[in-house]
């Protein structure tokens, strides 16, 4: 309807404006063309992210199939696991405001579009009385900063993906451990807690000896988040007067259920 059309128009403009502000503030110029903002609904976000999750989880799901009993129970473990994974993804889909997904961006000449989960943005604005024009630009600044980091620093994205590959390579996933971890994650959703608090999605499939690599990935992302926060403050200083207010609210939101 009119609200969706307005969201698409606003985020297209905000993404373009944000890119100009971020390039000016950081000197990081994307090597893969201009950013393209797209608005998705929650099911659309889940569908888009399934390809990333499949990349990480398919080896484990194959082993789950191989270790279940034949006959009527064949595939039952995969079905139960799929339902629990759907619950975790569904929880995430209610939290995410925007995303630049490196795994989705792989092989995409545009370097990956920046996406925004429209219903979550609108709900946030209405709940806190945020002015839409400002908060949409503020969210765009965050996601475009991540895109500029990974497309403006030539070695960064290959390095990140190499760490993910290290975490997954040579892995002999333990289907029982994975099923138990996913069951705990689903239980966390039902009790209102963060289902990925242990070590994110990789933690569901990685054996204990791989947690060091996962720690390096988390450290790298923490650094990039910190740089992103500083960039948002600098780039949005004049364009987003209410940035400090937005930041306070979002910090509290993250504290309650950090992704």
Protein backbone atom coordinates (compact mmCIF):
# COMPACT_ATOMS: atom_id res chain seq x y z
CA UNK A 1 0.00 0.00 0.00
CA UNK A 2 0.93 3.65 0.40
CA UNK A 3 3.08 2.94 3.48
CA UNK A 4 5.13 0.30 1.62
CA UNK A 5 5.62 2.57 -1.39
CA UNK A 6 6.74 5.34 0.97
CA UNK A 7 9.19 2.97 2.68
CA UNK A 8 10.69 1.97 -0.66
CA UNK A 9 10.99 5.60 -1.77
CA UNK A 10 12.44 6.74 1.57
CA UNK A 11 15.02 3.95 1.80
CA UNK A 12 16.11 4.38 -1.81
CA UNK A 13 16.79 8.05 -1.09
CA UNK A 14 18.27 7.39 2.38
CA UNK A 15 20.64 4.73 1.03
CA UNK A 16 21.94 7.07 -1.66
CA UNK A 17 22.34 9.97 0.79
CA UNK A 18 23.95 7.71 3.39
CA UNK A 19 26.52 6.44 0.91
CA UNK A 20 27.61 9.98 0.07
CA UNK A 21 27.91 10.87 3.77
CA UNK A 22 29.85 7.69 4.64
CA UNK A 23 32.28 8.06 1.72
CA UNK A 24 32.92 11.65 2.77
CA UNK A 25 33.42 10.68 6.44
CA UNK A 26 35.64 7.63 5.86
CA UNK A 27 37.25 7.95 2.44
CA UNK A 28 36.09 4.37 1.76
CA UNK A 29 34.74 4.36 -1.77
CA UNK A 30 32.88 1.18 -2.85
CA UNK A 31 34.56 -0.51 -5.78
CA UNK A 32 31.38 -2.29 -6.92
CA UNK A 33 29.02 0.53 -7.84
CA UNK A 34 26.44 2.48 -5.89
CA UNK A 35 24.49 1.02 -2.99
CA UNK A 36 20.95 -0.13 -3.74
CA UNK A 37 18.42 -0.15 -0.92
CA UNK A 38 15.55 -2.61 -0.97
CA UNK A 39 12.68 -3.06 1.49
CA UNK A 40 11.57 -6.57 2.46
CA UNK A 41 8.92 -8.00 4.76
CA UNK A 42 9.72 -10.56 7.46
CA UNK A 43 9.04 -13.67 5.34
CA UNK A 44 11.12 -12.07 2.57
CA UNK A 45 14.03 -11.57 4.97
CA UNK A 46 13.80 -15.21 6.08
CA UNK A 47 13.75 -16.46 2.49
CA UNK A 48 16.76 -14.33 1.56
CA UNK A 49 18.77 -15.57 4.53
CA UNK A 50 18.00 -19.25 3.99
CA UNK A 51 20.75 -19.43 1.37
CA UNK A 52 23.32 -18.23 3.93
CA UNK A 53 22.07 -20.70 6.51
CA UNK A 54 22.02 -23.56 4.00
CA UNK A 55 25.67 -22.86 3.14
CA UNK A 56 26.57 -23.33 6.81
CA UNK A 57 24.18 -26.09 7.80
CA UNK A 58 23.70 -28.41 4.82
CA UNK A 59 26.59 -30.77 5.77
CA UNK A 60 25.00 -31.31 9.17
CA UNK A 61 21.51 -31.82 7.74
CA UNK A 62 22.91 -34.45 5.35
CA UNK A 63 24.43 -36.31 8.29
CA UNK A 64 21.16 -36.06 10.20
CA UNK A 65 19.45 -37.76 7.26
CA UNK A 66 22.15 -40.45 7.15
CA UNK A 67 21.88 -41.26 10.87
CA UNK A 68 18.08 -41.47 11.18
CA UNK A 69 16.23 -44.76 11.00
CA UNK A 70 14.88 -46.00 7.66
CA UNK A 71 11.20 -46.35 6.93
CA UNK A 72 8.56 -43.99 8.35
CA UNK A 73 11.14 -42.15 10.48
CA UNK A 74 13.44 -41.32 7.55
CA UNK A 75 13.80 -37.55 7.31
CA UNK A 76 12.08 -36.98 10.65
CA UNK A 77 15.23 -35.50 12.20
CA UNK A 78 15.62 -33.07 9.29
CA UNK A 79 11.96 -32.09 9.62
CA UNK A 80 12.25 -31.43 13.35
CA UNK A 81 15.50 -29.55 12.82
CA UNK A 82 13.93 -27.50 10.04
CA UNK A 83 11.05 -26.51 12.32
CA UNK A 84 13.44 -25.43 15.08
CA UNK A 85 15.62 -23.53 12.60
CA UNK A 86 12.48 -21.83 11.30
CA UNK A 87 11.66 -20.75 14.84
CA UNK A 88 15.13 -19.20 15.27
CA UNK A 89 14.96 -17.46 11.88
CA UNK A 90 11.46 -16.25 12.67
CA UNK A 91 12.71 -14.72 15.93
CA UNK A 92 15.55 -12.99 14.10
CA UNK A 93 13.13 -11.67 11.46
CA UNK A 94 11.25 -9.74 14.14
CA UNK A 95 14.46 -8.03 15.36
CA UNK A 96 16.47 -7.09 12.27
CA UNK A 97 16.10 -3.53 10.97
CA UNK A 98 18.63 -3.62 8.14
CA UNK A 99 21.25 -5.94 6.70
CA UNK A 100 24.21 -6.13 4.40
CA UNK A 101 24.80 -9.88 4.10
CA UNK A 102 28.26 -10.92 2.94
CA UNK A 103 27.28 -14.51 2.26
CA UNK A 104 24.29 -13.41 0.18
CA UNK A 105 26.54 -10.91 -1.62
CA UNK A 106 28.93 -13.61 -2.81
CA UNK A 107 29.10 -13.72 -6.59
CA UNK A 108 26.90 -10.64 -6.90
CA UNK A 109 28.54 -8.00 -9.09
CA UNK A 110 26.75 -5.25 -7.22
CA UNK A 111 28.44 -6.28 -4.00
CA UNK A 112 25.05 -7.08 -2.51
CA UNK A 113 22.07 -4.85 -1.97
CA UNK A 114 21.40 -3.25 1.40
CA UNK A 115 18.05 -4.48 2.71
CA UNK A 116 15.66 -3.09 5.30
CA UNK A 117 12.89 -5.02 7.09
CA UNK A 118 10.01 -2.58 6.60
CA UNK A 119 7.57 -3.82 9.30
CA UNK A 120 10.29 -3.73 11.98
CA UNK A 121 11.32 -0.19 11.05
CA UNK A 122 7.73 1.07 11.12
CA UNK A 123 7.05 -0.70 14.44
CA UNK A 124 10.18 0.87 15.99
CA UNK A 125 9.19 4.35 14.79
CA UNK A 126 5.66 4.04 16.13
CA UNK A 127 6.70 2.54 19.45
CA UNK A 128 9.17 5.32 20.26
CA UNK A 129 7.72 8.23 18.28
CA UNK A 130 10.85 8.46 16.11
CA UNK A 131 10.70 10.89 13.14
CA UNK A 132 10.72 8.53 10.12
CA UNK A 133 12.91 10.60 7.80
CA UNK A 134 15.70 10.84 10.36
CA UNK A 135 15.60 7.28 11.67
CA UNK A 136 15.50 5.78 8.15
CA UNK A 137 18.61 7.72 7.18
CA UNK A 138 20.23 6.70 10.48
CA UNK A 139 19.56 2.99 9.82
CA UNK A 140 20.80 3.40 6.24
CA UNK A 141 24.04 4.95 7.53
CA UNK A 142 24.74 1.82 9.56
CA UNK A 143 24.18 -0.67 6.75
CA UNK A 144 25.90 1.42 4.09
CA UNK A 145 28.92 1.76 6.39
CA UNK A 146 29.24 -2.03 6.45
CA UNK A 147 28.97 -2.14 2.67
CA UNK A 148 31.66 0.52 2.33
CA UNK A 149 33.91 -1.40 4.71
CA UNK A 150 33.68 -4.62 2.71
CA UNK A 151 33.64 -3.17 -0.80
CA UNK A 152 36.03 -0.27 -0.13
CA UNK A 153 38.79 -2.34 1.52
CA UNK A 154 39.85 -4.91 -1.11
CA UNK A 155 41.16 -7.60 1.27
CA UNK A 156 38.45 -7.44 3.92
CA UNK A 157 35.66 -9.52 2.38
CA UNK A 158 37.99 -12.33 1.16
CA UNK A 159 39.56 -12.38 4.64
CA UNK A 160 36.17 -12.64 6.34
CA UNK A 161 35.01 -15.43 4.03
CA UNK A 162 38.32 -17.27 4.54
CA UNK A 163 37.68 -17.24 8.30
CA UNK A 164 34.18 -18.66 7.72
CA UNK A 165 35.68 -21.34 5.47
CA UNK A 166 38.29 -22.14 8.14
CA UNK A 167 35.54 -22.54 10.70
CA UNK A 168 33.71 -24.95 8.39
CA UNK A 169 36.60 -26.77 6.66
CA UNK A 170 37.63 -30.21 7.77
CA UNK A 171 34.62 -30.25 10.03
CA UNK A 172 32.98 -33.55 10.81
CA UNK A 173 29.75 -32.18 12.23
CA UNK A 174 28.24 -34.09 15.09
CA UNK A 175 24.53 -34.35 14.21
CA UNK A 176 23.56 -35.12 17.81
CA UNK A 177 25.43 -32.08 19.13
CA UNK A 178 23.89 -29.89 16.43
CA UNK A 179 20.37 -31.15 17.15
CA UNK A 180 20.86 -30.51 20.88
CA UNK A 181 22.24 -27.00 20.27
CA UNK A 182 19.37 -26.14 17.94
CA UNK A 183 16.89 -27.52 20.49
CA UNK A 184 18.43 -25.19 23.11
CA UNK A 185 18.19 -22.27 20.69
CA UNK A 186 14.51 -22.99 20.01
CA UNK A 187 13.84 -23.27 23.75
CA UNK A 188 15.54 -19.89 24.24
CA UNK A 189 13.19 -18.29 21.70
CA UNK A 190 10.17 -19.73 23.51
CA UNK A 191 11.39 -18.32 26.83
CA UNK A 192 12.13 -14.89 25.36
CA UNK A 193 15.94 -15.17 25.35
CA UNK A 194 18.48 -14.69 22.56
CA UNK A 195 18.78 -18.07 20.78
CA UNK A 196 22.27 -17.35 19.44
CA UNK A 197 23.93 -16.28 22.68
CA UNK A 198 26.40 -19.17 22.74
CA UNK A 199 28.41 -18.53 19.57
CA UNK A 200 26.00 -17.53 16.83
CA UNK A 201 24.90 -19.83 14.02
CA UNK A 202 28.43 -21.18 13.48
CA UNK A 203 28.42 -22.27 17.11
CA UNK A 204 25.57 -24.64 16.31
CA UNK A 205 27.69 -26.64 13.88
CA UNK A 206 31.31 -26.05 14.89
CA UNK A 207 33.09 -28.51 17.18
CA UNK A 208 34.76 -27.04 20.31
CA UNK A 209 38.19 -26.89 18.65
CA UNK A 210 36.81 -24.49 16.03
CA UNK A 211 35.59 -21.96 18.57
CA UNK A 212 38.94 -20.14 18.38
CA UNK A 213 38.27 -19.30 14.73
CA UNK A 214 34.73 -18.26 15.61
CA UNK A 215 36.22 -16.00 18.29
CA UNK A 216 38.37 -14.34 15.60
CA UNK A 217 35.28 -13.79 13.44
CA UNK A 218 33.41 -12.28 16.38
CA UNK A 219 36.38 -10.04 17.23
CA UNK A 220 36.56 -8.81 13.64
CA UNK A 221 32.83 -8.07 13.56
CA UNK A 222 33.06 -6.24 16.90
CA UNK A 223 35.79 -4.03 15.45
CA UNK A 224 33.71 -3.30 12.35
CA UNK A 225 30.65 -2.56 14.48
CA UNK A 226 32.70 -0.11 16.54
CA UNK A 227 34.00 1.59 13.42
CA UNK A 228 30.44 1.63 12.10
CA UNK A 229 29.16 3.37 15.24
CA UNK A 230 31.86 6.04 15.03
CA UNK A 231 31.17 6.53 11.32
CA UNK A 232 27.43 6.85 11.93
CA UNK A 233 28.08 9.57 14.51
CA UNK A 234 30.43 11.49 12.22
CA UNK A 235 28.54 11.04 8.97
CA UNK A 236 25.15 11.73 10.53
CA UNK A 237 26.22 14.61 12.80
CA UNK A 238 24.37 17.29 10.83
CA UNK A 239 21.87 15.13 8.90
CA UNK A 240 20.48 13.20 11.91
CA UNK A 241 20.07 15.59 14.87
CA UNK A 242 18.29 12.93 16.97
CA UNK A 243 20.99 10.27 16.51
CA UNK A 244 21.91 10.17 20.22
CA UNK A 245 18.26 9.43 21.10
CA UNK A 246 18.04 6.64 18.52
CA UNK A 247 21.33 5.21 19.75
CA UNK A 248 20.19 5.08 23.38
CA UNK A 249 17.00 3.22 22.46
CA UNK A 250 18.79 0.76 20.17
CA UNK A 251 21.49 0.07 22.77
CA UNK A 252 18.79 -0.94 25.24
CA UNK A 253 17.14 -3.06 22.55
CA UNK A 254 20.44 -4.82 21.81
CA UNK A 255 21.11 -5.37 25.51
CA UNK A 256 17.82 -7.21 25.88
CA UNK A 257 18.38 -9.50 22.89
CA UNK A 258 21.63 -9.02 21.04
CA UNK A 259 22.10 -10.71 17.68
